[in-house]
Amino acid sequence: ERLLPTLPLLAPAEFTRDAERQAAFWRVRKGLIPSVGAMRARGTSFIIEDVVFPVERLAEGVAELQALFDRYGYDDAIVFGHAKDGNLHFVLTQAFQESSDVERYDGFMKALAELVVGR
């Protein structure tokens, strides 16, 4: 909770014990994957990956993960997961029709492995 005030958020972060609010948050989370899948370009693959960072280095790991998305042009990537455990999931879409598509994904995955192993 101490970190939240320092983060640039689109909307204020909210913690709740209210069962109805919790259910609403879960509905949003469960809708992320179908939403990204529905918006992906025809002929692309829908890829889900998991990464884990030590909790004390999670913020740094997430920032570097987002930098990788930017560097490799994954503008549609979303991140979600179990931050209190350092476990994150991310979803992105990728074409594999052209050799440049495969090279892009290969470069991203190699950089991702270096990032995660280095943490």
PDB file of N, CA and C in Angstrom:
ATOM      1  N   GLU A   1       0.813  -1.203   0.000  1.00  0.00           N
ATOM      2  CA  GLU A   1       0.000   0.000   0.000  1.00  0.00           C
ATOM      3  C   GLU A   1       0.855   1.264   0.000  1.00  0.00           C
ATOM      4  N   ARG A   2       2.065   1.182   0.540  1.00  0.00           N
ATOM      5  CA  ARG A   2       2.927   2.371   0.559  1.00  0.00           C
ATOM      6  C   ARG A   2       3.383   2.751  -0.840  1.00  0.00           C
ATOM      7  N   LEU A   3       3.509   1.777  -1.719  1.00  0.00           N
ATOM      8  CA  LEU A   3       3.986   2.023  -3.072  1.00  0.00           C
ATOM      9  C   LEU A   3       2.911   2.646  -3.965  1.00  0.00           C
ATOM     10  N   LEU A   4       1.653   2.327  -3.724  1.00  0.00           N
ATOM     11  CA  LEU A   4       0.577   2.775  -4.610  1.00  0.00           C
ATOM     12  C   LEU A   4       0.535   4.282  -4.847  1.00  0.00           C
ATOM     13  N   PRO A   5       0.711   5.115  -3.822  1.00  0.00           N
ATOM     14  CA  PRO A   5       0.642   6.561  -4.086  1.00  0.00           C
ATOM     15  C   PRO A   5       1.724   7.061  -5.053  1.00  0.00           C
ATOM     16  N   THR A   6       2.788   6.304  -5.231  1.00  0.00           N
ATOM     17  CA  THR A   6       3.872   6.742  -6.113  1.00  0.00           C
ATOM     18  C   THR A   6       3.687   6.290  -7.557  1.00  0.00           C
ATOM     19  N   LEU A   7       2.711   5.435  -7.820  1.00  0.00           N
ATOM     20  CA  LEU A   7       2.522   4.884  -9.158  1.00  0.00           C
ATOM     21  C   LEU A   7       1.556   5.724  -9.985  1.00  0.00           C
ATOM     22  N   PRO A   8       1.869   5.903 -11.275  1.00  0.00           N
ATOM     23  CA  PRO A   8       0.922   6.603 -12.145  1.00  0.00           C
ATOM     24  C   PRO A   8      -0.191   5.639 -12.560  1.00  0.00           C
ATOM     25  N   LEU A   9      -1.367   5.816 -12.026  1.00  0.00           N
ATOM     26  CA  LEU A   9      -2.494   4.925 -12.296  1.00  0.00           C
ATOM     27  C   LEU A   9      -3.554   5.648 -13.121  1.00  0.00           C
ATOM     28  N   LEU A  10      -4.285   4.881 -13.921  1.00  0.00           N
ATOM     29  CA  LEU A  10      -5.388   5.463 -14.682  1.00  0.00           C
ATOM     30  C   LEU A  10      -6.561   5.812 -13.781  1.00  0.00           C
ATOM     31  N   ALA A  11      -6.729   5.033 -12.721  1.00  0.00           N
ATOM     32  CA  ALA A  11      -7.789   5.266 -11.738  1.00  0.00           C
ATOM     33  C   ALA A  11      -7.207   4.932 -10.368  1.00  0.00           C
ATOM     34  N   PRO A  12      -7.732   5.504  -9.316  1.00  0.00           N
ATOM     35  CA  PRO A  12      -7.200   5.203  -7.991  1.00  0.00           C
ATOM     36  C   PRO A  12      -7.290   3.704  -7.680  1.00  0.00           C
ATOM     37  N   ALA A  13      -6.238   3.164  -7.071  1.00  0.00           N
ATOM     38  CA  ALA A  13      -6.256   1.760  -6.646  1.00  0.00           C
ATOM     39  C   ALA A  13      -7.227   1.619  -5.484  1.00  0.00           C
ATOM     40  N   GLU A  14      -7.891   0.492  -5.456  1.00  0.00           N
ATOM     41  CA  GLU A  14      -8.906   0.298  -4.425  1.00  0.00           C
ATOM     42  C   GLU A  14      -8.753  -1.090  -3.812  1.00  0.00           C
ATOM     43  N   PHE A  15      -8.675  -1.144  -2.499  1.00  0.00           N
ATOM     44  CA  PHE A  15      -8.706  -2.400  -1.771  1.00  0.00           C
ATOM     45  C   PHE A  15     -10.075  -2.495  -1.117  1.00  0.00           C
ATOM     46  N   THR A  16     -10.629  -3.694  -1.090  1.00  0.00           N
ATOM     47  CA  THR A  16     -11.957  -3.834  -0.499  1.00  0.00           C
ATOM     48  C   THR A  16     -12.141  -5.219   0.101  1.00  0.00           C
ATOM     49  N   ARG A  17     -12.975  -5.268   1.113  1.00  0.00           N
ATOM     50  CA  ARG A  17     -13.410  -6.546   1.683  1.00  0.00           C
ATOM     51  C   ARG A  17     -14.871  -6.813   1.315  1.00  0.00           C
ATOM     52  N   ASP A  18     -15.452  -5.877   0.576  1.00  0.00           N
ATOM     53  CA  ASP A  18     -16.840  -5.998   0.156  1.00  0.00           C
ATOM     54  C   ASP A  18     -16.962  -7.080  -0.918  1.00  0.00           C
ATOM     55  N   ALA A  19     -17.777  -8.088  -0.660  1.00  0.00           N
ATOM     56  CA  ALA A  19     -17.903  -9.233  -1.568  1.00  0.00           C
ATOM     57  C   ALA A  19     -18.401  -8.830  -2.956  1.00  0.00           C
ATOM     58  N   GLU A  20     -19.313  -7.884  -3.024  1.00  0.00           N
ATOM     59  CA  GLU A  20     -19.827  -7.450  -4.331  1.00  0.00           C
ATOM     60  C   GLU A  20     -18.747  -6.751  -5.150  1.00  0.00           C
ATOM     61  N   ARG A  21     -17.956  -5.889  -4.501  1.00  0.00           N
ATOM     62  CA  ARG A  21     -16.861  -5.203  -5.209  1.00  0.00           C
ATOM     63  C   ARG A  21     -15.803  -6.219  -5.653  1.00  0.00           C
ATOM     64  N   GLN A  22     -15.493  -7.171  -4.780  1.00  0.00           N
ATOM     65  CA  GLN A  22     -14.520  -8.204  -5.144  1.00  0.00           C
ATOM     66  C   GLN A  22     -15.001  -8.983  -6.362  1.00  0.00           C
ATOM     67  N   ALA A  23     -16.273  -9.329  -6.373  1.00  0.00           N
ATOM     68  CA  ALA A  23     -16.836 -10.066  -7.514  1.00  0.00           C
ATOM     69  C   ALA A  23     -16.741  -9.233  -8.793  1.00  0.00           C
ATOM     70  N   ALA A  24     -16.974  -7.933  -8.675  1.00  0.00           N
ATOM     71  CA  ALA A  24     -16.868  -7.057  -9.849  1.00  0.00           C
ATOM     72  C   ALA A  24     -15.430  -7.012 -10.360  1.00  0.00           C
ATOM     73  N   PHE A  25     -14.470  -6.929  -9.443  1.00  0.00           N
ATOM     74  CA  PHE A  25     -13.058  -6.934  -9.853  1.00  0.00           C
ATOM     75  C   PHE A  25     -12.703  -8.241 -10.553  1.00  0.00           C
ATOM     76  N   TRP A  26     -13.195  -9.369 -10.039  1.00  0.00           N
ATOM     77  CA  TRP A  26     -12.906 -10.664 -10.673  1.00  0.00           C
ATOM     78  C   TRP A  26     -13.528 -10.752 -12.061  1.00  0.00           C
ATOM     79  N   ARG A  27     -14.713 -10.180 -12.234  1.00  0.00           N
ATOM     80  CA  ARG A  27     -15.329 -10.182 -13.570  1.00  0.00           C
ATOM     81  C   ARG A  27     -14.460  -9.415 -14.570  1.00  0.00           C
ATOM     82  N   VAL A  28     -13.920  -8.297 -14.131  1.00  0.00           N
ATOM     83  CA  VAL A  28     -13.027  -7.525 -15.007  1.00  0.00           C
ATOM     84  C   VAL A  28     -11.797  -8.354 -15.345  1.00  0.00           C
ATOM     85  N   ARG A  29     -11.183  -8.960 -14.336  1.00  0.00           N
ATOM     86  CA  ARG A  29      -9.979  -9.756 -14.573  1.00  0.00           C
ATOM     87  C   ARG A  29     -10.268 -10.913 -15.523  1.00  0.00           C
ATOM     88  N   LYS A  30     -11.356 -11.613 -15.302  1.00  0.00           N
ATOM     89  CA  LYS A  30     -11.703 -12.755 -16.160  1.00  0.00           C
ATOM     90  C   LYS A  30     -12.028 -12.319 -17.584  1.00  0.00           C
ATOM     91  N   GLY A  31     -12.403 -11.064 -17.763  1.00  0.00           N
ATOM     92  CA  GLY A  31     -12.713 -10.565 -19.093  1.00  0.00           C
ATOM     93  C   GLY A  31     -11.506 -10.084 -19.880  1.00  0.00           C
ATOM     94  N   LEU A  32     -10.340  -9.983 -19.236  1.00  0.00           N
ATOM     95  CA  LEU A  32      -9.150  -9.485 -19.925  1.00  0.00           C
ATOM     96  C   LEU A  32      -8.746 -10.378 -21.089  1.00  0.00           C
ATOM     97  N   ILE A  33      -8.650 -11.664 -20.846  1.00  0.00           N
ATOM     98  CA  ILE A  33      -8.182 -12.575 -21.895  1.00  0.00           C
ATOM     99  C   ILE A  33      -9.149 -12.607 -23.074  1.00  0.00           C
ATOM    100  N   PRO A  34     -10.440 -12.790 -22.857  1.00  0.00           N
ATOM    101  CA  PRO A  34     -11.345 -12.757 -24.010  1.00  0.00           C
ATOM    102  C   PRO A  34     -11.314 -11.418 -24.755  1.00  0.00           C
ATOM    103  N   SER A  35     -11.126 -10.319 -24.031  1.00  0.00           N
ATOM    104  CA  SER A  35     -11.085  -9.006 -24.683  1.00  0.00           C
ATOM    105  C   SER A  35      -9.883  -8.876 -25.603  1.00  0.00           C
ATOM    106  N   VAL A  36      -8.716  -9.280 -25.118  1.00  0.00           N
ATOM    107  CA  VAL A  36      -7.519  -9.208 -25.961  1.00  0.00           C
ATOM    108  C   VAL A  36      -7.652 -10.167 -27.137  1.00  0.00           C
ATOM    109  N   GLY A  37      -8.152 -11.362 -26.871  1.00  0.00           N
ATOM    110  CA  GLY A  37      -8.329 -12.339 -27.948  1.00  0.00           C
ATOM    111  C   GLY A  37      -9.265 -11.838 -29.033  1.00  0.00           C
ATOM    112  N   ALA A  38     -10.310 -11.150 -28.644  1.00  0.00           N
ATOM    113  CA  ALA A  38     -11.283 -10.648 -29.615  1.00  0.00           C
ATOM    114  C   ALA A  38     -10.726  -9.494 -30.442  1.00  0.00           C
ATOM    115  N   MET A  39      -9.777  -8.762 -29.897  1.00  0.00           N
ATOM    116  CA  MET A  39      -9.231  -7.597 -30.596  1.00  0.00           C
ATOM    117  C   MET A  39      -8.018  -7.932 -31.461  1.00  0.00           C
ATOM    118  N   ARG A  40      -7.505  -9.130 -31.350  1.00  0.00           N
ATOM    119  CA  ARG A  40      -6.274  -9.446 -32.087  1.00  0.00           C
ATOM    120  C   ARG A  40      -6.528  -9.487 -33.586  1.00  0.00           C
ATOM    121  N   ALA A  41      -5.487  -9.178 -34.313  1.00  0.00           N
ATOM    122  CA  ALA A  41      -5.574  -9.183 -35.774  1.00  0.00           C
ATOM    123  C   ALA A  41      -5.768 -10.609 -36.283  1.00  0.00           C
ATOM    124  N   ARG A  42      -6.518 -10.738 -37.346  1.00  0.00           N
ATOM    125  CA  ARG A  42      -6.770 -12.045 -37.946  1.00  0.00           C
ATOM    126  C   ARG A  42      -5.439 -12.699 -38.332  1.00  0.00           C
ATOM    127  N   GLY A  43      -5.291 -13.968 -37.998  1.00  0.00           N
ATOM    128  CA  GLY A  43      -4.081 -14.705 -38.340  1.00  0.00           C
ATOM    129  C   GLY A  43      -2.982 -14.635 -37.298  1.00  0.00           C
ATOM    130  N   THR A  44      -3.223 -13.916 -36.206  1.00  0.00           N
ATOM    131  CA  THR A  44      -2.208 -13.853 -35.154  1.00  0.00           C
ATOM    132  C   THR A  44      -2.502 -14.887 -34.082  1.00  0.00           C
ATOM    133  N   SER A  45      -1.469 -15.230 -33.346  1.00  0.00           N
ATOM    134  CA  SER A  45      -1.604 -16.162 -32.226  1.00  0.00           C
ATOM    135  C   SER A  45      -1.747 -15.378 -30.934  1.00  0.00           C
ATOM    136  N   PHE A  46      -2.449 -15.972 -30.011  1.00  0.00           N
ATOM    137  CA  PHE A  46      -2.714 -15.407 -28.695  1.00  0.00           C
ATOM    138  C   PHE A  46      -1.772 -16.128 -27.735  1.00  0.00           C
ATOM    139  N   ILE A  47      -0.841 -15.409 -27.125  1.00  0.00           N
ATOM    140  CA  ILE A  47       0.199 -16.033 -26.311  1.00  0.00           C
ATOM    141  C   ILE A  47       0.084 -15.553 -24.872  1.00  0.00           C
ATOM    142  N   ILE A  48       0.093 -16.515 -23.950  1.00  0.00           N
ATOM    143  CA  ILE A  48       0.072 -16.223 -22.517  1.00  0.00           C
ATOM    144  C   ILE A  48       1.370 -16.762 -21.926  1.00  0.00           C
ATOM    145  N   GLU A  49       2.066 -15.933 -21.179  1.00  0.00           N
ATOM    146  CA  GLU A  49       3.308 -16.338 -20.520  1.00  0.00           C
ATOM    147  C   GLU A  49       3.226 -15.987 -19.043  1.00  0.00           C
ATOM    148  N   ASP A  50       4.021 -16.671 -18.251  1.00  0.00           N
ATOM    149  CA  ASP A  50       4.148 -16.385 -16.826  1.00  0.00           C
ATOM    150  C   ASP A  50       5.598 -16.038 -16.533  1.00  0.00           C
ATOM    151  N   VAL A  51       5.801 -15.068 -15.667  1.00  0.00           N
ATOM    152  CA  VAL A  51       7.131 -14.728 -15.183  1.00  0.00           C
ATOM    153  C   VAL A  51       7.050 -14.528 -13.673  1.00  0.00           C
ATOM    154  N   VAL A  52       8.179 -14.707 -13.017  1.00  0.00           N
ATOM    155  CA  VAL A  52       8.246 -14.499 -11.576  1.00  0.00           C
ATOM    156  C   VAL A  52       9.479 -13.661 -11.272  1.00  0.00           C
ATOM    157  N   PHE A  53       9.293 -12.664 -10.427  1.00  0.00           N
ATOM    158  CA  PHE A  53      10.389 -11.839  -9.936  1.00  0.00           C
ATOM    159  C   PHE A  53      10.372 -11.909  -8.413  1.00  0.00           C
ATOM    160  N   PRO A  54      11.534 -11.766  -7.769  1.00  0.00           N
ATOM    161  CA  PRO A  54      11.503 -11.624  -6.313  1.00  0.00           C
ATOM    162  C   PRO A  54      10.613 -10.423  -5.969  1.00  0.00           C
ATOM    163  N   VAL A  55       9.783 -10.568  -4.971  1.00  0.00           N
ATOM    164  CA  VAL A  55       8.811  -9.522  -4.641  1.00  0.00           C
ATOM    165  C   VAL A  55       9.492  -8.169  -4.452  1.00  0.00           C
ATOM    166  N   GLU A  56      10.648  -8.171  -3.814  1.00  0.00           N
ATOM    167  CA  GLU A  56      11.332  -6.901  -3.564  1.00  0.00           C
ATOM    168  C   GLU A  56      11.859  -6.248  -4.851  1.00  0.00           C
ATOM    169  N   ARG A  57      11.872  -6.983  -5.969  1.00  0.00           N
ATOM    170  CA  ARG A  57      12.325  -6.436  -7.253  1.00  0.00           C
ATOM    171  C   ARG A  57      11.195  -6.434  -8.285  1.00  0.00           C
ATOM    172  N   LEU A  58       9.977  -6.630  -7.813  1.00  0.00           N
ATOM    173  CA  LEU A  58       8.834  -6.734  -8.717  1.00  0.00           C
ATOM    174  C   LEU A  58       8.613  -5.452  -9.525  1.00  0.00           C
ATOM    175  N   ALA A  59       8.614  -4.312  -8.875  1.00  0.00           N
ATOM    176  CA  ALA A  59       8.362  -3.049  -9.586  1.00  0.00           C
ATOM    177  C   ALA A  59       9.399  -2.834 -10.681  1.00  0.00           C
ATOM    178  N   GLU A  60      10.653  -3.096 -10.373  1.00  0.00           N
ATOM    179  CA  GLU A  60      11.725  -2.973 -11.363  1.00  0.00           C
ATOM    180  C   GLU A  60      11.516  -3.964 -12.507  1.00  0.00           C
ATOM    181  N   GLY A  61      11.146  -5.199 -12.165  1.00  0.00           N
ATOM    182  CA  GLY A  61      10.902  -6.214 -13.187  1.00  0.00           C
ATOM    183  C   GLY A  61       9.750  -5.842 -14.105  1.00  0.00           C
ATOM    184  N   VAL A  62       8.677  -5.315 -13.540  1.00  0.00           N
ATOM    185  CA  VAL A  62       7.521  -4.911 -14.350  1.00  0.00           C
ATOM    186  C   VAL A  62       7.906  -3.763 -15.281  1.00  0.00           C
ATOM    187  N   ALA A  63       8.647  -2.797 -14.771  1.00  0.00           N
ATOM    188  CA  ALA A  63       9.077  -1.669 -15.610  1.00  0.00           C
ATOM    189  C   ALA A  63       9.928  -2.168 -16.778  1.00  0.00           C
ATOM    190  N   GLU A  64      10.818  -3.106 -16.511  1.00  0.00           N
ATOM    191  CA  GLU A  64      11.664  -3.637 -17.581  1.00  0.00           C
ATOM    192  C   GLU A  64      10.858  -4.504 -18.548  1.00  0.00           C
ATOM    193  N   LEU A  65       9.871  -5.224 -18.037  1.00  0.00           N
ATOM    194  CA  LEU A  65       8.993  -6.008 -18.906  1.00  0.00           C
ATOM    195  C   LEU A  65       8.229  -5.079 -19.850  1.00  0.00           C
ATOM    196  N   GLN A  66       7.698  -3.996 -19.317  1.00  0.00           N
ATOM    197  CA  GLN A  66       6.988  -3.033 -20.158  1.00  0.00           C
ATOM    198  C   GLN A  66       7.924  -2.399 -21.187  1.00  0.00           C
ATOM    199  N   ALA A  67       9.178  -2.181 -20.809  1.00  0.00           N
ATOM    200  CA  ALA A  67      10.157  -1.649 -21.767  1.00  0.00           C
ATOM    201  C   ALA A  67      10.400  -2.653 -22.895  1.00  0.00           C
ATOM    202  N   LEU A  68      10.405  -3.953 -22.569  1.00  0.00           N
ATOM    203  CA  LEU A  68      10.539  -4.979 -23.615  1.00  0.00           C
ATOM    204  C   LEU A  68       9.343  -4.952 -24.560  1.00  0.00           C
ATOM    205  N   PHE A  69       8.146  -4.815 -24.008  1.00  0.00           N
ATOM    206  CA  PHE A  69       6.959  -4.712 -24.868  1.00  0.00           C
ATOM    207  C   PHE A  69       7.123  -3.541 -25.842  1.00  0.00           C
ATOM    208  N   ASP A  70       7.576  -2.409 -25.329  1.00  0.00           N
ATOM    209  CA  ASP A  70       7.772  -1.231 -26.183  1.00  0.00           C
ATOM    210  C   ASP A  70       8.844  -1.489 -27.235  1.00  0.00           C
ATOM    211  N   ARG A  71       9.969  -2.050 -26.809  1.00  0.00           N
ATOM    212  CA  ARG A  71      11.090  -2.264 -27.731  1.00  0.00           C
ATOM    213  C   ARG A  71      10.714  -3.201 -28.871  1.00  0.00           C
ATOM    214  N   TYR A  72       9.891  -4.217 -28.585  1.00  0.00           N
ATOM    215  CA  TYR A  72       9.530  -5.198 -29.605  1.00  0.00           C
ATOM    216  C   TYR A  72       8.163  -4.936 -30.237  1.00  0.00           C
ATOM    217  N   GLY A  73       7.536  -3.816 -29.889  1.00  0.00           N
ATOM    218  CA  GLY A  73       6.294  -3.414 -30.540  1.00  0.00           C
ATOM    219  C   GLY A  73       5.057  -4.192 -30.132  1.00  0.00           C
ATOM    220  N   TYR A  74       5.028  -4.690 -28.904  1.00  0.00           N
ATOM    221  CA  TYR A  74       3.839  -5.387 -28.410  1.00  0.00           C
ATOM    222  C   TYR A  74       2.945  -4.384 -27.683  1.00  0.00           C
ATOM    223  N   ASP A  75       2.299  -3.532 -28.456  1.00  0.00           N
ATOM    224  CA  ASP A  75       1.459  -2.476 -27.895  1.00  0.00           C
ATOM    225  C   ASP A  75       0.180  -3.012 -27.264  1.00  0.00           C
ATOM    226  N   ASP A  76      -0.214  -4.235 -27.631  1.00  0.00           N
ATOM    227  CA  ASP A  76      -1.458  -4.809 -27.117  1.00  0.00           C
ATOM    228  C   ASP A  76      -1.246  -5.679 -25.879  1.00  0.00           C
ATOM    229  N   ALA A  77      -0.016  -5.791 -25.391  1.00  0.00           N
ATOM    230  CA  ALA A  77       0.270  -6.676 -24.253  1.00  0.00           C
ATOM    231  C   ALA A  77      -0.411  -6.167 -22.986  1.00  0.00           C
ATOM    232  N   ILE A  78      -0.911  -7.108 -22.201  1.00  0.00           N
ATOM    233  CA  ILE A  78      -1.467  -6.772 -20.890  1.00  0.00           C
ATOM    234  C   ILE A  78      -0.779  -7.637 -19.845  1.00  0.00           C
ATOM    235  N   VAL A  79      -0.650  -7.105 -18.637  1.00  0.00           N
ATOM    236  CA  VAL A  79       0.001  -7.800 -17.527  1.00  0.00           C
ATOM    237  C   VAL A  79      -0.997  -7.897 -16.388  1.00  0.00           C
ATOM    238  N   PHE A  80      -1.063  -9.066 -15.780  1.00  0.00           N
ATOM    239  CA  PHE A  80      -1.913  -9.268 -14.607  1.00  0.00           C
ATOM    240  C   PHE A  80      -1.323 -10.427 -13.820  1.00  0.00           C
ATOM    241  N   GLY A  81      -1.798 -10.688 -12.640  1.00  0.00           N
ATOM    242  CA  GLY A  81      -1.277 -11.838 -11.912  1.00  0.00           C
ATOM    243  C   GLY A  81      -1.395 -11.718 -10.416  1.00  0.00           C
ATOM    244  N   HIS A  82      -0.409 -12.277  -9.756  1.00  0.00           N
ATOM    245  CA  HIS A  82      -0.398 -12.413  -8.301  1.00  0.00           C
ATOM    246  C   HIS A  82       0.803 -11.635  -7.772  1.00  0.00           C
ATOM    247  N   ALA A  83       0.701 -10.324  -7.815  1.00  0.00           N
ATOM    248  CA  ALA A  83       1.841  -9.468  -7.505  1.00  0.00           C
ATOM    249  C   ALA A  83       2.394  -9.719  -6.111  1.00  0.00           C
ATOM    250  N   LYS A  84       1.544 -10.035  -5.162  1.00  0.00           N
ATOM    251  CA  LYS A  84       2.042 -10.250  -3.801  1.00  0.00           C
ATOM    252  C   LYS A  84       2.992 -11.435  -3.728  1.00  0.00           C
ATOM    253  N   ASP A  85       2.921 -12.322  -4.723  1.00  0.00           N
ATOM    254  CA  ASP A  85       3.812 -13.477  -4.788  1.00  0.00           C
ATOM    255  C   ASP A  85       4.932 -13.281  -5.808  1.00  0.00           C
ATOM    256  N   GLY A  86       4.911 -12.165  -6.524  1.00  0.00           N
ATOM    257  CA  GLY A  86       5.908 -11.914  -7.556  1.00  0.00           C
ATOM    258  C   GLY A  86       5.618 -12.616  -8.869  1.00  0.00           C
ATOM    259  N   ASN A  87       4.456 -13.268  -8.978  1.00  0.00           N
ATOM    260  CA  ASN A  87       4.080 -14.018 -10.178  1.00  0.00           C
ATOM    261  C   ASN A  87       3.162 -13.175 -11.051  1.00  0.00           C
ATOM    262  N   LEU A  88       3.570 -13.002 -12.300  1.00  0.00           N
ATOM    263  CA  LEU A  88       2.769 -12.224 -13.237  1.00  0.00           C
ATOM    264  C   LEU A  88       2.488 -13.037 -14.487  1.00  0.00           C
ATOM    265  N   HIS A  89       1.361 -12.772 -15.089  1.00  0.00           N
ATOM    266  CA  HIS A  89       1.007 -13.345 -16.387  1.00  0.00           C
ATOM    267  C   HIS A  89       0.981 -12.181 -17.366  1.00  0.00           C
ATOM    268  N   PHE A  90       1.331 -12.455 -18.597  1.00  0.00           N
ATOM    269  CA  PHE A  90       1.100 -11.447 -19.617  1.00  0.00           C
ATOM    270  C   PHE A  90       0.575 -12.113 -20.866  1.00  0.00           C
ATOM    271  N   VAL A  91      -0.174 -11.329 -21.610  1.00  0.00           N
ATOM    272  CA  VAL A  91      -0.811 -11.789 -22.840  1.00  0.00           C
ATOM    273  C   VAL A  91      -0.379 -10.848 -23.952  1.00  0.00           C
ATOM    274  N   LEU A  92      -0.050 -11.426 -25.086  1.00  0.00           N
ATOM    275  CA  LEU A  92       0.251 -10.632 -26.271  1.00  0.00           C
ATOM    276  C   LEU A  92      -0.187 -11.406 -27.501  1.00  0.00           C
ATOM    277  N   THR A  93      -0.234 -10.729 -28.617  1.00  0.00           N
ATOM    278  CA  THR A  93      -0.577 -11.395 -29.874  1.00  0.00           C
ATOM    279  C   THR A  93       0.619 -11.308 -30.809  1.00  0.00           C
ATOM    280  N   GLN A  94       0.776 -12.346 -31.641  1.00  0.00           N
ATOM    281  CA  GLN A  94       1.949 -12.430 -32.499  1.00  0.00           C
ATOM    282  C   GLN A  94       1.596 -13.126 -33.802  1.00  0.00           C
ATOM    283  N   ALA A  95       2.033 -12.542 -34.900  1.00  0.00           N
ATOM    284  CA  ALA A  95       1.938 -13.201 -36.204  1.00  0.00           C
ATOM    285  C   ALA A  95       3.198 -14.040 -36.398  1.00  0.00           C
ATOM    286  N   PHE A  96       3.077 -15.121 -37.163  1.00  0.00           N
ATOM    287  CA  PHE A  96       4.226 -15.972 -37.458  1.00  0.00           C
ATOM    288  C   PHE A  96       4.335 -16.274 -38.953  1.00  0.00           C
ATOM    289  N   GLN A  97       3.643 -15.504 -39.784  1.00  0.00           N
ATOM    290  CA  GLN A  97       3.621 -15.788 -41.216  1.00  0.00           C
ATOM    291  C   GLN A  97       4.945 -15.450 -41.907  1.00  0.00           C
ATOM    292  N   GLU A  98       5.595 -14.396 -41.495  1.00  0.00           N
ATOM    293  CA  GLU A  98       6.827 -13.929 -42.136  1.00  0.00           C
ATOM    294  C   GLU A  98       8.035 -14.252 -41.260  1.00  0.00           C
ATOM    295  N   SER A  99       9.195 -14.392 -41.873  1.00  0.00           N
ATOM    296  CA  SER A  99      10.410 -14.665 -41.093  1.00  0.00           C
ATOM    297  C   SER A  99      10.694 -13.516 -40.124  1.00  0.00           C
ATOM    298  N   SER A 100      10.343 -12.294 -40.502  1.00  0.00           N
ATOM    299  CA  SER A 100      10.545 -11.155 -39.599  1.00  0.00           C
ATOM    300  C   SER A 100       9.666 -11.274 -38.349  1.00  0.00           C
ATOM    301  N   ASP A 101       8.484 -11.880 -38.486  1.00  0.00           N
ATOM    302  CA  ASP A 101       7.610 -12.115 -37.331  1.00  0.00           C
ATOM    303  C   ASP A 101       8.280 -13.077 -36.355  1.00  0.00           C
ATOM    304  N   VAL A 102       8.823 -14.151 -36.896  1.00  0.00           N
ATOM    305  CA  VAL A 102       9.490 -15.165 -36.068  1.00  0.00           C
ATOM    306  C   VAL A 102      10.719 -14.556 -35.396  1.00  0.00           C
ATOM    307  N   GLU A 103      11.488 -13.773 -36.129  1.00  0.00           N
ATOM    308  CA  GLU A 103      12.684 -13.131 -35.573  1.00  0.00           C
ATOM    309  C   GLU A 103      12.316 -12.156 -34.456  1.00  0.00           C
ATOM    310  N   ARG A 104      11.243 -11.421 -34.642  1.00  0.00           N
ATOM    311  CA  ARG A 104      10.779 -10.485 -33.606  1.00  0.00           C
ATOM    312  C   ARG A 104      10.441 -11.237 -32.327  1.00  0.00           C
ATOM    313  N   TYR A 105       9.660 -12.302 -32.455  1.00  0.00           N
ATOM    314  CA  TYR A 105       9.260 -13.073 -31.281  1.00  0.00           C
ATOM    315  C   TYR A 105      10.473 -13.742 -30.638  1.00  0.00           C
ATOM    316  N   ASP A 106      11.369 -14.270 -31.448  1.00  0.00           N
ATOM    317  CA  ASP A 106      12.578 -14.903 -30.933  1.00  0.00           C
ATOM    318  C   ASP A 106      13.408 -13.897 -30.131  1.00  0.00           C
ATOM    319  N   GLY A 107      13.590 -12.712 -30.670  1.00  0.00           N
ATOM    320  CA  GLY A 107      14.342 -11.679 -29.960  1.00  0.00           C
ATOM    321  C   GLY A 107      13.685 -11.301 -28.647  1.00  0.00           C
ATOM    322  N   PHE A 108      12.365 -11.171 -28.679  1.00  0.00           N
ATOM    323  CA  PHE A 108      11.632 -10.832 -27.460  1.00  0.00           C
ATOM    324  C   PHE A 108      11.800 -11.921 -26.406  1.00  0.00           C
ATOM    325  N   MET A 109      11.625 -13.179 -26.794  1.00  0.00           N
ATOM    326  CA  MET A 109      11.709 -14.276 -25.824  1.00  0.00           C
ATOM    327  C   MET A 109      13.115 -14.409 -25.246  1.00  0.00           C
ATOM    328  N   LYS A 110      14.130 -14.200 -26.058  1.00  0.00           N
ATOM    329  CA  LYS A 110      15.506 -14.242 -25.538  1.00  0.00           C
ATOM    330  C   LYS A 110      15.738 -13.110 -24.545  1.00  0.00           C
ATOM    331  N   ALA A 111      15.272 -11.915 -24.873  1.00  0.00           N
ATOM    332  CA  ALA A 111      15.411 -10.777 -23.961  1.00  0.00           C
ATOM    333  C   ALA A 111      14.605 -11.008 -22.682  1.00  0.00           C
ATOM    334  N   LEU A 112      13.431 -11.607 -22.810  1.00  0.00           N
ATOM    335  CA  LEU A 112      12.605 -11.922 -21.642  1.00  0.00           C
ATOM    336  C   LEU A 112      13.317 -12.915 -20.732  1.00  0.00           C
ATOM    337  N   ALA A 113      13.900 -13.958 -21.309  1.00  0.00           N
ATOM    338  CA  ALA A 113      14.625 -14.950 -20.505  1.00  0.00           C
ATOM    339  C   ALA A 113      15.782 -14.289 -19.757  1.00  0.00           C
ATOM    340  N   GLU A 114      16.518 -13.422 -20.423  1.00  0.00           N
ATOM    341  CA  GLU A 114      17.617 -12.712 -19.757  1.00  0.00           C
ATOM    342  C   GLU A 114      17.099 -11.840 -18.621  1.00  0.00           C
ATOM    343  N   LEU A 115      15.976 -11.173 -18.853  1.00  0.00           N
ATOM    344  CA  LEU A 115      15.393 -10.316 -17.827  1.00  0.00           C
ATOM    345  C   LEU A 115      14.997 -11.124 -16.597  1.00  0.00           C
ATOM    346  N   VAL A 116      14.284 -12.211 -16.807  1.00  0.00           N
ATOM    347  CA  VAL A 116      13.764 -12.991 -15.682  1.00  0.00           C
ATOM    348  C   VAL A 116      14.889 -13.715 -14.945  1.00  0.00           C
ATOM    349  N   VAL A 117      15.793 -14.325 -15.675  1.00  0.00           N
ATOM    350  CA  VAL A 117      16.897 -15.047 -15.036  1.00  0.00           C
ATOM    351  C   VAL A 117      17.806 -14.068 -14.297  1.00  0.00           C
ATOM    352  N   GLY A 118      17.931 -12.860 -14.816  1.00  0.00           N
ATOM    353  CA  GLY A 118      18.778 -11.849 -14.186  1.00  0.00           C
ATOM    354  C   GLY A 118      18.213 -11.249 -12.922  1.00  0.00           C
ATOM    355  N   ARG A 119      16.964 -11.516 -12.610  1.00  0.00           N
ATOM    356  CA  ARG A 119      16.330 -10.969 -11.408  1.00  0.00           C
ATOM    357  C   ARG A 119      16.440 -11.961 -10.296  1.00  0.00           C
TER     358      ARG A 119
END
